[in-house]
Amino acid sequence: MTSTASLTIRHASAADEADLTRLAALDSSRVPSGELIVAQLDGRLVAALSVDTGAAIADPFEHTAAILDSMRAQVRSSRQPRPAILPGHLGRALFGRA
């Protein structure tokens, strides 16, 4: 990947089906099941990761290890519990804060 390459990580859509099939064939694998996120490098699909199972496929002719690491980190961070934001009066009632 060059310094001018454009990387996009997003949720897969039905429009990605042909590219996912091509990518799986390159990886000698199957398209992972479940909800997928995909990585596009300069507009070309180079990796896909199942949010549900963690299974991944990637273009073996591209340097995708760091891309997959980034995708996995995004999935992990999206699963982290977020602190609840409570309205001021409810927060004060529950936590005794003025």
PDB file of N, CA and C in Angstrom:
ATOM      1  N   MET A   1       0.840  -1.169   0.000  1.00  0.00           N
ATOM      2  CA  MET A   1       0.000   0.000   0.000  1.00  0.00           C
ATOM      3  C   MET A   1       0.889   1.236   0.000  1.00  0.00           C
ATOM      4  N   THR A   2       0.642   2.123  -0.922  1.00  0.00           N
ATOM      5  CA  THR A   2       1.431   3.347  -0.983  1.00  0.00           C
ATOM      6  C   THR A   2       0.827   4.397  -0.067  1.00  0.00           C
ATOM      7  N   SER A   3       1.572   5.462   0.152  1.00  0.00           N
ATOM      8  CA  SER A   3       1.084   6.497   1.055  1.00  0.00           C
ATOM      9  C   SER A   3      -0.090   7.260   0.459  1.00  0.00           C
ATOM     10  N   THR A   4      -0.314   7.143  -0.836  1.00  0.00           N
ATOM     11  CA  THR A   4      -1.433   7.835  -1.457  1.00  0.00           C
ATOM     12  C   THR A   4      -2.635   6.926  -1.655  1.00  0.00           C
ATOM     13  N   ALA A   5      -2.570   5.682  -1.202  1.00  0.00           N
ATOM     14  CA  ALA A   5      -3.678   4.753  -1.358  1.00  0.00           C
ATOM     15  C   ALA A   5      -4.838   5.180  -0.459  1.00  0.00           C
ATOM     16  N   SER A   6      -6.036   4.953  -0.945  1.00  0.00           N
ATOM     17  CA  SER A   6      -7.239   5.297  -0.198  1.00  0.00           C
ATOM     18  C   SER A   6      -7.853   4.022   0.370  1.00  0.00           C
ATOM     19  N   LEU A   7      -7.978   3.946   1.691  1.00  0.00           N
ATOM     20  CA  LEU A   7      -8.550   2.780   2.363  1.00  0.00           C
ATOM     21  C   LEU A   7      -9.902   3.157   2.949  1.00  0.00           C
ATOM     22  N   THR A   8     -10.912   2.342   2.655  1.00  0.00           N
ATOM     23  CA  THR A   8     -12.253   2.527   3.195  1.00  0.00           C
ATOM     24  C   THR A   8     -12.688   1.231   3.859  1.00  0.00           C
ATOM     25  N   ILE A   9     -13.150   1.323   5.093  1.00  0.00           N
ATOM     26  CA  ILE A   9     -13.710   0.171   5.794  1.00  0.00           C
ATOM     27  C   ILE A   9     -15.176   0.496   6.048  1.00  0.00           C
ATOM     28  N   ARG A  10     -16.056  -0.430   5.627  1.00  0.00           N
ATOM     29  CA  ARG A  10     -17.495  -0.181   5.716  1.00  0.00           C
ATOM     30  C   ARG A  10     -18.242  -1.500   5.828  1.00  0.00           C
ATOM     31  N   HIS A  11     -19.538  -1.413   6.087  1.00  0.00           N
ATOM     32  CA  HIS A  11     -20.379  -2.602   6.096  1.00  0.00           C
ATOM     33  C   HIS A  11     -20.612  -3.058   4.654  1.00  0.00           C
ATOM     34  N   ALA A  12     -20.644  -4.361   4.461  1.00  0.00           N
ATOM     35  CA  ALA A  12     -20.917  -4.917   3.142  1.00  0.00           C
ATOM     36  C   ALA A  12     -22.387  -4.723   2.807  1.00  0.00           C
ATOM     37  N   SER A  13     -22.650  -4.658   1.510  1.00  0.00           N
ATOM     38  CA  SER A  13     -24.031  -4.558   1.040  1.00  0.00           C
ATOM     39  C   SER A  13     -24.258  -5.626  -0.028  1.00  0.00           C
ATOM     40  N   ALA A  14     -25.490  -5.754  -0.453  1.00  0.00           N
ATOM     41  CA  ALA A  14     -25.822  -6.730  -1.499  1.00  0.00           C
ATOM     42  C   ALA A  14     -25.051  -6.446  -2.783  1.00  0.00           C
ATOM     43  N   ALA A  15     -24.705  -5.206  -3.020  1.00  0.00           N
ATOM     44  CA  ALA A  15     -23.955  -4.830  -4.223  1.00  0.00           C
ATOM     45  C   ALA A  15     -22.532  -5.396  -4.220  1.00  0.00           C
ATOM     46  N   ASP A  16     -22.047  -5.867  -3.072  1.00  0.00           N
ATOM     47  CA  ASP A  16     -20.691  -6.405  -2.959  1.00  0.00           C
ATOM     48  C   ASP A  16     -20.611  -7.899  -3.274  1.00  0.00           C
ATOM     49  N   GLU A  17     -21.727  -8.528  -3.559  1.00  0.00           N
ATOM     50  CA  GLU A  17     -21.759  -9.985  -3.703  1.00  0.00           C
ATOM     51  C   GLU A  17     -20.741 -10.513  -4.718  1.00  0.00           C
ATOM     52  N   ALA A  18     -20.680  -9.936  -5.890  1.00  0.00           N
ATOM     53  CA  ALA A  18     -19.743 -10.416  -6.917  1.00  0.00           C
ATOM     54  C   ALA A  18     -18.291 -10.222  -6.471  1.00  0.00           C
ATOM     55  N   ASP A  19     -18.001  -9.076  -5.867  1.00  0.00           N
ATOM     56  CA  ASP A  19     -16.633  -8.821  -5.395  1.00  0.00           C
ATOM     57  C   ASP A  19     -16.253  -9.748  -4.246  1.00  0.00           C
ATOM     58  N   LEU A  20     -17.208 -10.055  -3.376  1.00  0.00           N
ATOM     59  CA  LEU A  20     -16.939 -10.992  -2.281  1.00  0.00           C
ATOM     60  C   LEU A  20     -16.672 -12.393  -2.819  1.00  0.00           C
ATOM     61  N   THR A  21     -17.416 -12.800  -3.828  1.00  0.00           N
ATOM     62  CA  THR A  21     -17.206 -14.117  -4.441  1.00  0.00           C
ATOM     63  C   THR A  21     -15.826 -14.183  -5.091  1.00  0.00           C
ATOM     64  N   ARG A  22     -15.435 -13.116  -5.786  1.00  0.00           N
ATOM     65  CA  ARG A  22     -14.101 -13.038  -6.412  1.00  0.00           C
ATOM     66  C   ARG A  22     -13.016 -13.098  -5.348  1.00  0.00           C
ATOM     67  N   LEU A  23     -13.209 -12.349  -4.268  1.00  0.00           N
ATOM     68  CA  LEU A  23     -12.229 -12.310  -3.191  1.00  0.00           C
ATOM     69  C   LEU A  23     -12.087 -13.676  -2.529  1.00  0.00           C
ATOM     70  N   ALA A  24     -13.200 -14.354  -2.295  1.00  0.00           N
ATOM     71  CA  ALA A  24     -13.161 -15.695  -1.691  1.00  0.00           C
ATOM     72  C   ALA A  24     -12.423 -16.666  -2.598  1.00  0.00           C
ATOM     73  N   ALA A  25     -12.638 -16.567  -3.908  1.00  0.00           N
ATOM     74  CA  ALA A  25     -11.937 -17.447  -4.839  1.00  0.00           C
ATOM     75  C   ALA A  25     -10.430 -17.187  -4.804  1.00  0.00           C
ATOM     76  N   LEU A  26     -10.033 -15.920  -4.746  1.00  0.00           N
ATOM     77  CA  LEU A  26      -8.605 -15.592  -4.650  1.00  0.00           C
ATOM     78  C   LEU A  26      -7.990 -16.167  -3.378  1.00  0.00           C
ATOM     79  N   ASP A  27      -8.772 -16.181  -2.310  1.00  0.00           N
ATOM     80  CA  ASP A  27      -8.305 -16.644  -1.003  1.00  0.00           C
ATOM     81  C   ASP A  27      -8.495 -18.152  -0.826  1.00  0.00           C
ATOM     82  N   SER A  28      -8.987 -18.817  -1.877  1.00  0.00           N
ATOM     83  CA  SER A  28      -9.270 -20.265  -1.812  1.00  0.00           C
ATOM     84  C   SER A  28     -10.148 -20.587  -0.615  1.00  0.00           C
ATOM     85  N   SER A  29     -11.186 -19.798  -0.432  1.00  0.00           N
ATOM     86  CA  SER A  29     -12.052 -19.940   0.723  1.00  0.00           C
ATOM     87  C   SER A  29     -13.487 -19.662   0.306  1.00  0.00           C
ATOM     88  N   ARG A  30     -14.362 -19.558   1.295  1.00  0.00           N
ATOM     89  CA  ARG A  30     -15.757 -19.187   1.080  1.00  0.00           C
ATOM     90  C   ARG A  30     -16.000 -17.820   1.681  1.00  0.00           C
ATOM     91  N   VAL A  31     -17.034 -17.175   1.202  1.00  0.00           N
ATOM     92  CA  VAL A  31     -17.427 -15.903   1.791  1.00  0.00           C
ATOM     93  C   VAL A  31     -17.895 -16.188   3.222  1.00  0.00           C
ATOM     94  N   PRO A  32     -17.351 -15.501   4.212  1.00  0.00           N
ATOM     95  CA  PRO A  32     -17.765 -15.735   5.599  1.00  0.00           C
ATOM     96  C   PRO A  32     -19.260 -15.462   5.783  1.00  0.00           C
ATOM     97  N   SER A  33     -19.845 -16.129   6.761  1.00  0.00           N
ATOM     98  CA  SER A  33     -21.271 -15.949   7.024  1.00  0.00           C
ATOM     99  C   SER A  33     -21.494 -14.797   7.987  1.00  0.00           C
ATOM    100  N   GLY A  34     -22.725 -14.332   8.015  1.00  0.00           N
ATOM    101  CA  GLY A  34     -23.113 -13.297   8.957  1.00  0.00           C
ATOM    102  C   GLY A  34     -22.879 -11.897   8.433  1.00  0.00           C
ATOM    103  N   GLU A  35     -22.974 -10.948   9.339  1.00  0.00           N
ATOM    104  CA  GLU A  35     -22.746  -9.537   9.009  1.00  0.00           C
ATOM    105  C   GLU A  35     -21.275  -9.348   8.648  1.00  0.00           C
ATOM    106  N   LEU A  36     -21.015  -8.677   7.530  1.00  0.00           N
ATOM    107  CA  LEU A  36     -19.638  -8.482   7.065  1.00  0.00           C
ATOM    108  C   LEU A  36     -19.267  -7.012   7.032  1.00  0.00           C
ATOM    109  N   ILE A  37     -18.010  -6.744   7.367  1.00  0.00           N
ATOM    110  CA  ILE A  37     -17.420  -5.454   7.034  1.00  0.00           C
ATOM    111  C   ILE A  37     -16.367  -5.740   5.979  1.00  0.00           C
ATOM    112  N   VAL A  38     -16.163  -4.768   5.103  1.00  0.00           N
ATOM    113  CA  VAL A  38     -15.222  -4.949   4.007  1.00  0.00           C
ATOM    114  C   VAL A  38     -14.234  -3.795   3.979  1.00  0.00           C
ATOM    115  N   ALA A  39     -13.077  -4.070   3.391  1.00  0.00           N
ATOM    116  CA  ALA A  39     -12.066  -3.036   3.200  1.00  0.00           C
ATOM    117  C   ALA A  39     -11.845  -2.869   1.706  1.00  0.00           C
ATOM    118  N   GLN A  40     -11.872  -1.621   1.275  1.00  0.00           N
ATOM    119  CA  GLN A  40     -11.592  -1.286  -0.111  1.00  0.00           C
ATOM    120  C   GLN A  40     -10.306  -0.476  -0.155  1.00  0.00           C
ATOM    121  N   LEU A  41      -9.422  -0.876  -1.025  1.00  0.00           N
ATOM    122  CA  LEU A  41      -8.168  -0.169  -1.241  1.00  0.00           C
ATOM    123  C   LEU A  41      -8.256   0.450  -2.627  1.00  0.00           C
ATOM    124  N   ASP A  42      -8.262   1.767  -2.674  1.00  0.00           N
ATOM    125  CA  ASP A  42      -8.453   2.495  -3.937  1.00  0.00           C
ATOM    126  C   ASP A  42      -9.684   1.991  -4.687  1.00  0.00           C
ATOM    127  N   GLY A  43     -10.768   1.729  -3.947  1.00  0.00           N
ATOM    128  CA  GLY A  43     -12.032   1.331  -4.543  1.00  0.00           C
ATOM    129  C   GLY A  43     -12.173  -0.144  -4.852  1.00  0.00           C
ATOM    130  N   ARG A  44     -11.130  -0.931  -4.611  1.00  0.00           N
ATOM    131  CA  ARG A  44     -11.167  -2.371  -4.909  1.00  0.00           C
ATOM    132  C   ARG A  44     -11.235  -3.152  -3.608  1.00  0.00           C
ATOM    133  N   LEU A  45     -12.189  -4.080  -3.509  1.00  0.00           N
ATOM    134  CA  LEU A  45     -12.371  -4.895  -2.309  1.00  0.00           C
ATOM    135  C   LEU A  45     -11.147  -5.791  -2.100  1.00  0.00           C
ATOM    136  N   VAL A  46     -10.498  -5.677  -0.915  1.00  0.00           N
ATOM    137  CA  VAL A  46      -9.301  -6.469  -0.638  1.00  0.00           C
ATOM    138  C   VAL A  46      -9.427  -7.359   0.587  1.00  0.00           C
ATOM    139  N   ALA A  47     -10.464  -7.120   1.417  1.00  0.00           N
ATOM    140  CA  ALA A  47     -10.644  -7.942   2.614  1.00  0.00           C
ATOM    141  C   ALA A  47     -12.089  -7.857   3.078  1.00  0.00           C
ATOM    142  N   ALA A  48     -12.513  -8.931   3.733  1.00  0.00           N
ATOM    143  CA  ALA A  48     -13.845  -8.970   4.344  1.00  0.00           C
ATOM    144  C   ALA A  48     -13.738  -9.727   5.658  1.00  0.00           C
ATOM    145  N   LEU A  49     -14.488  -9.280   6.644  1.00  0.00           N
ATOM    146  CA  LEU A  49     -14.452  -9.867   7.976  1.00  0.00           C
ATOM    147  C   LEU A  49     -15.879 -10.034   8.475  1.00  0.00           C
ATOM    148  N   SER A  50     -16.188 -11.221   8.991  1.00  0.00           N
ATOM    149  CA  SER A  50     -17.494 -11.466   9.585  1.00  0.00           C
ATOM    150  C   SER A  50     -17.512 -10.910  11.001  1.00  0.00           C
ATOM    151  N   VAL A  51     -18.435 -10.004  11.258  1.00  0.00           N
ATOM    152  CA  VAL A  51     -18.602  -9.446  12.596  1.00  0.00           C
ATOM    153  C   VAL A  51     -19.088 -10.536  13.544  1.00  0.00           C
ATOM    154  N   ASP A  52     -19.870 -11.475  13.012  1.00  0.00           N
ATOM    155  CA  ASP A  52     -20.467 -12.532  13.829  1.00  0.00           C
ATOM    156  C   ASP A  52     -19.482 -13.635  14.209  1.00  0.00           C
ATOM    157  N   THR A  53     -18.669 -14.088  13.259  1.00  0.00           N
ATOM    158  CA  THR A  53     -17.810 -15.250  13.499  1.00  0.00           C
ATOM    159  C   THR A  53     -16.326 -14.922  13.593  1.00  0.00           C
ATOM    160  N   GLY A  54     -15.912 -13.768  13.089  1.00  0.00           N
ATOM    161  CA  GLY A  54     -14.493 -13.416  13.062  1.00  0.00           C
ATOM    162  C   GLY A  54     -13.751 -13.989  11.865  1.00  0.00           C
ATOM    163  N   ALA A  55     -14.434 -14.794  11.036  1.00  0.00           N
ATOM    164  CA  ALA A  55     -13.793 -15.360   9.844  1.00  0.00           C
ATOM    165  C   ALA A  55     -13.490 -14.240   8.850  1.00  0.00           C
ATOM    166  N   ALA A  56     -12.392 -14.391   8.138  1.00  0.00           N
ATOM    167  CA  ALA A  56     -11.977 -13.348   7.202  1.00  0.00           C
ATOM    168  C   ALA A  56     -11.511 -13.957   5.887  1.00  0.00           C
ATOM    169  N   ILE A  57     -11.626 -13.161   4.842  1.00  0.00           N
ATOM    170  CA  ILE A  57     -11.014 -13.477   3.552  1.00  0.00           C
ATOM    171  C   ILE A  57     -10.253 -12.234   3.113  1.00  0.00           C
ATOM    172  N   ALA A  58      -9.181 -12.454   2.345  1.00  0.00           N
ATOM    173  CA  ALA A  58      -8.366 -11.321   1.909  1.00  0.00           C
ATOM    174  C   ALA A  58      -7.659 -11.657   0.609  1.00  0.00           C
ATOM    175  N   ASP A  59      -7.348 -10.618  -0.116  1.00  0.00           N
ATOM    176  CA  ASP A  59      -6.613 -10.753  -1.372  1.00  0.00           C
ATOM    177  C   ASP A  59      -5.172 -11.154  -1.044  1.00  0.00           C
ATOM    178  N   PRO A  60      -4.733 -12.343  -1.480  1.00  0.00           N
ATOM    179  CA  PRO A  60      -3.388 -12.788  -1.154  1.00  0.00           C
ATOM    180  C   PRO A  60      -2.296 -12.011  -1.895  1.00  0.00           C
ATOM    181  N   PHE A  61      -2.689 -11.193  -2.846  1.00  0.00           N
ATOM    182  CA  PHE A  61      -1.715 -10.425  -3.621  1.00  0.00           C
ATOM    183  C   PHE A  61      -1.568  -8.992  -3.106  1.00  0.00           C
ATOM    184  N   GLU A  62      -2.229  -8.706  -2.007  1.00  0.00           N
ATOM    185  CA  GLU A  62      -2.130  -7.389  -1.369  1.00  0.00           C
ATOM    186  C   GLU A  62      -1.623  -7.570   0.057  1.00  0.00           C
ATOM    187  N   HIS A  63      -1.049  -6.511   0.607  1.00  0.00           N
ATOM    188  CA  HIS A  63      -0.601  -6.517   2.004  1.00  0.00           C
ATOM    189  C   HIS A  63      -1.815  -6.176   2.869  1.00  0.00           C
ATOM    190  N   THR A  64      -2.504  -7.195   3.368  1.00  0.00           N
ATOM    191  CA  THR A  64      -3.763  -6.969   4.070  1.00  0.00           C
ATOM    192  C   THR A  64      -3.707  -7.277   5.568  1.00  0.00           C
ATOM    193  N   ALA A  65      -2.586  -7.720   6.082  1.00  0.00           N
ATOM    194  CA  ALA A  65      -2.511  -8.079   7.506  1.00  0.00           C
ATOM    195  C   ALA A  65      -2.874  -6.887   8.393  1.00  0.00           C
ATOM    196  N   ALA A  66      -2.304  -5.729   8.130  1.00  0.00           N
ATOM    197  CA  ALA A  66      -2.595  -4.543   8.949  1.00  0.00           C
ATOM    198  C   ALA A  66      -4.032  -4.079   8.744  1.00  0.00           C
ATOM    199  N   ILE A  67      -4.549  -4.244   7.542  1.00  0.00           N
ATOM    200  CA  ILE A  67      -5.941  -3.870   7.267  1.00  0.00           C
ATOM    201  C   ILE A  67      -6.876  -4.753   8.085  1.00  0.00           C
ATOM    202  N   LEU A  68      -6.637  -6.067   8.077  1.00  0.00           N
ATOM    203  CA  LEU A  68      -7.472  -6.985   8.861  1.00  0.00           C
ATOM    204  C   LEU A  68      -7.347  -6.697  10.354  1.00  0.00           C
ATOM    205  N   ASP A  69      -6.145  -6.367  10.814  1.00  0.00           N
ATOM    206  CA  ASP A  69      -5.966  -6.005  12.231  1.00  0.00           C
ATOM    207  C   ASP A  69      -6.828  -4.789  12.580  1.00  0.00           C
ATOM    208  N   SER A  70      -6.850  -3.808  11.687  1.00  0.00           N
ATOM    209  CA  SER A  70      -7.652  -2.608  11.906  1.00  0.00           C
ATOM    210  C   SER A  70      -9.139  -2.940  11.915  1.00  0.00           C
ATOM    211  N   MET A  71      -9.557  -3.819  11.023  1.00  0.00           N
ATOM    212  CA  MET A  71     -10.963  -4.226  10.975  1.00  0.00           C
ATOM    213  C   MET A  71     -11.359  -4.948  12.265  1.00  0.00           C
ATOM    214  N   ARG A  72     -10.496  -5.839  12.734  1.00  0.00           N
ATOM    215  CA  ARG A  72     -10.777  -6.565  13.979  1.00  0.00           C
ATOM    216  C   ARG A  72     -10.855  -5.612  15.170  1.00  0.00           C
ATOM    217  N   ALA A  73      -9.967  -4.618  15.183  1.00  0.00           N
ATOM    218  CA  ALA A  73      -9.983  -3.632  16.270  1.00  0.00           C
ATOM    219  C   ALA A  73     -11.274  -2.827  16.244  1.00  0.00           C
ATOM    220  N   GLN A  74     -11.762  -2.493  15.059  1.00  0.00           N
ATOM    221  CA  GLN A  74     -13.031  -1.767  14.963  1.00  0.00           C
ATOM    222  C   GLN A  74     -14.184  -2.606  15.498  1.00  0.00           C
ATOM    223  N   VAL A  75     -14.179  -3.892  15.166  1.00  0.00           N
ATOM    224  CA  VAL A  75     -15.234  -4.780  15.655  1.00  0.00           C
ATOM    225  C   VAL A  75     -15.168  -4.873  17.175  1.00  0.00           C
ATOM    226  N   ARG A  76     -13.953  -5.052  17.715  1.00  0.00           N
ATOM    227  CA  ARG A  76     -13.804  -5.132  19.177  1.00  0.00           C
ATOM    228  C   ARG A  76     -14.280  -3.852  19.849  1.00  0.00           C
ATOM    229  N   SER A  77     -13.905  -2.707  19.309  1.00  0.00           N
ATOM    230  CA  SER A  77     -14.285  -1.441  19.947  1.00  0.00           C
ATOM    231  C   SER A  77     -15.779  -1.200  19.850  1.00  0.00           C
ATOM    232  N   SER A  78     -16.421  -1.697  18.812  1.00  0.00           N
ATOM    233  CA  SER A  78     -17.864  -1.504  18.696  1.00  0.00           C
ATOM    234  C   SER A  78     -18.627  -2.395  19.670  1.00  0.00           C
ATOM    235  N   ARG A  79     -17.974  -3.423  20.187  1.00  0.00           N
ATOM    236  CA  ARG A  79     -18.615  -4.320  21.151  1.00  0.00           C
ATOM    237  C   ARG A  79     -18.385  -3.892  22.590  1.00  0.00           C
ATOM    238  N   GLN A  80     -17.535  -2.897  22.811  1.00  0.00           N
ATOM    239  CA  GLN A  80     -17.260  -2.432  24.166  1.00  0.00           C
ATOM    240  C   GLN A  80     -18.488  -1.728  24.709  1.00  0.00           C
ATOM    241  N   PRO A  81     -18.869  -2.017  25.956  1.00  0.00           N
ATOM    242  CA  PRO A  81     -20.008  -1.310  26.529  1.00  0.00           C
ATOM    243  C   PRO A  81     -19.687   0.171  26.670  1.00  0.00           C
ATOM    244  N   ARG A  82     -20.640   0.983  26.347  1.00  0.00           N
ATOM    245  CA  ARG A  82     -20.469   2.423  26.442  1.00  0.00           C
ATOM    246  C   ARG A  82     -21.190   2.919  27.698  1.00  0.00           C
ATOM    247  N   PRO A  83     -20.609   3.895  28.391  1.00  0.00           N
ATOM    248  CA  PRO A  83     -21.290   4.412  29.580  1.00  0.00           C
ATOM    249  C   PRO A  83     -22.610   5.066  29.174  1.00  0.00           C
ATOM    250  N   ALA A  84     -23.594   4.837  29.989  1.00  0.00           N
ATOM    251  CA  ALA A  84     -24.902   5.428  29.720  1.00  0.00           C
ATOM    252  C   ALA A  84     -24.853   6.922  29.983  1.00  0.00           C
ATOM    253  N   ILE A  85     -25.505   7.672  29.138  1.00  0.00           N
ATOM    254  CA  ILE A  85     -25.629   9.111  29.351  1.00  0.00           C
ATOM    255  C   ILE A  85     -27.031   9.335  29.893  1.00  0.00           C
ATOM    256  N   LEU A  86     -27.090   9.783  31.128  1.00  0.00           N
ATOM    257  CA  LEU A  86     -28.369   9.968  31.786  1.00  0.00           C
ATOM    258  C   LEU A  86     -28.722  11.450  31.837  1.00  0.00           C
ATOM    259  N   PRO A  87     -29.995  11.764  31.704  1.00  0.00           N
ATOM    260  CA  PRO A  87     -30.384  13.166  31.876  1.00  0.00           C
ATOM    261  C   PRO A  87     -29.937  13.650  33.240  1.00  0.00           C
ATOM    262  N   GLY A  88     -29.644  14.934  33.351  1.00  0.00           N
ATOM    263  CA  GLY A  88     -29.106  15.502  34.581  1.00  0.00           C
ATOM    264  C   GLY A  88     -29.869  15.129  35.828  1.00  0.00           C
ATOM    265  N   HIS A  89     -31.188  15.253  35.821  1.00  0.00           N
ATOM    266  CA  HIS A  89     -31.957  14.968  37.032  1.00  0.00           C
ATOM    267  C   HIS A  89     -31.926  13.484  37.375  1.00  0.00           C
ATOM    268  N   LEU A  90     -31.915  12.612  36.375  1.00  0.00           N
ATOM    269  CA  LEU A  90     -31.851  11.172  36.639  1.00  0.00           C
ATOM    270  C   LEU A  90     -30.468  10.786  37.153  1.00  0.00           C
ATOM    271  N   GLY A  91     -29.431  11.350  36.553  1.00  0.00           N
ATOM    272  CA  GLY A  91     -28.073  11.092  37.022  1.00  0.00           C
ATOM    273  C   GLY A  91     -27.883  11.515  38.452  1.00  0.00           C
ATOM    274  N   ARG A  92     -28.449  12.684  38.811  1.00  0.00           N
ATOM    275  CA  ARG A  92     -28.331  13.154  40.197  1.00  0.00           C
ATOM    276  C   ARG A  92     -29.083  12.237  41.151  1.00  0.00           C
ATOM    277  N   ALA A  93     -30.256  11.763  40.736  1.00  0.00           N
ATOM    278  CA  ALA A  93     -31.045  10.884  41.602  1.00  0.00           C
ATOM    279  C   ALA A  93     -30.351   9.552  41.818  1.00  0.00           C
ATOM    280  N   LEU A  94     -29.749   9.028  40.767  1.00  0.00           N
ATOM    281  CA  LEU A  94     -29.099   7.713  40.863  1.00  0.00           C
ATOM    282  C   LEU A  94     -27.735   7.780  41.535  1.00  0.00           C
ATOM    283  N   PHE A  95     -27.003   8.854  41.272  1.00  0.00           N
ATOM    284  CA  PHE A  95     -25.619   8.907  41.741  1.00  0.00           C
ATOM    285  C   PHE A  95     -25.391  10.001  42.771  1.00  0.00           C
ATOM    286  N   GLY A  96     -26.424  10.713  43.181  1.00  0.00           N
ATOM    287  CA  GLY A  96     -26.300  11.711  44.236  1.00  0.00           C
ATOM    288  C   GLY A  96     -25.431  12.871  43.858  1.00  0.00           C
ATOM    289  N   ARG A  97     -25.370  13.192  42.599  1.00  0.00           N
ATOM    290  CA  ARG A  97     -24.537  14.321  42.153  1.00  0.00           C
ATOM    291  C   ARG A  97     -25.402  15.565  42.006  1.00  0.00           C
ATOM    292  N   ALA A  98     -24.835  16.667  42.398  1.00  0.00           N
ATOM    293  CA  ALA A  98     -25.560  17.928  42.308  1.00  0.00           C
ATOM    294  C   ALA A  98     -25.406  18.570  40.951  1.00  0.00           C
TER     295      ALA A  98
END
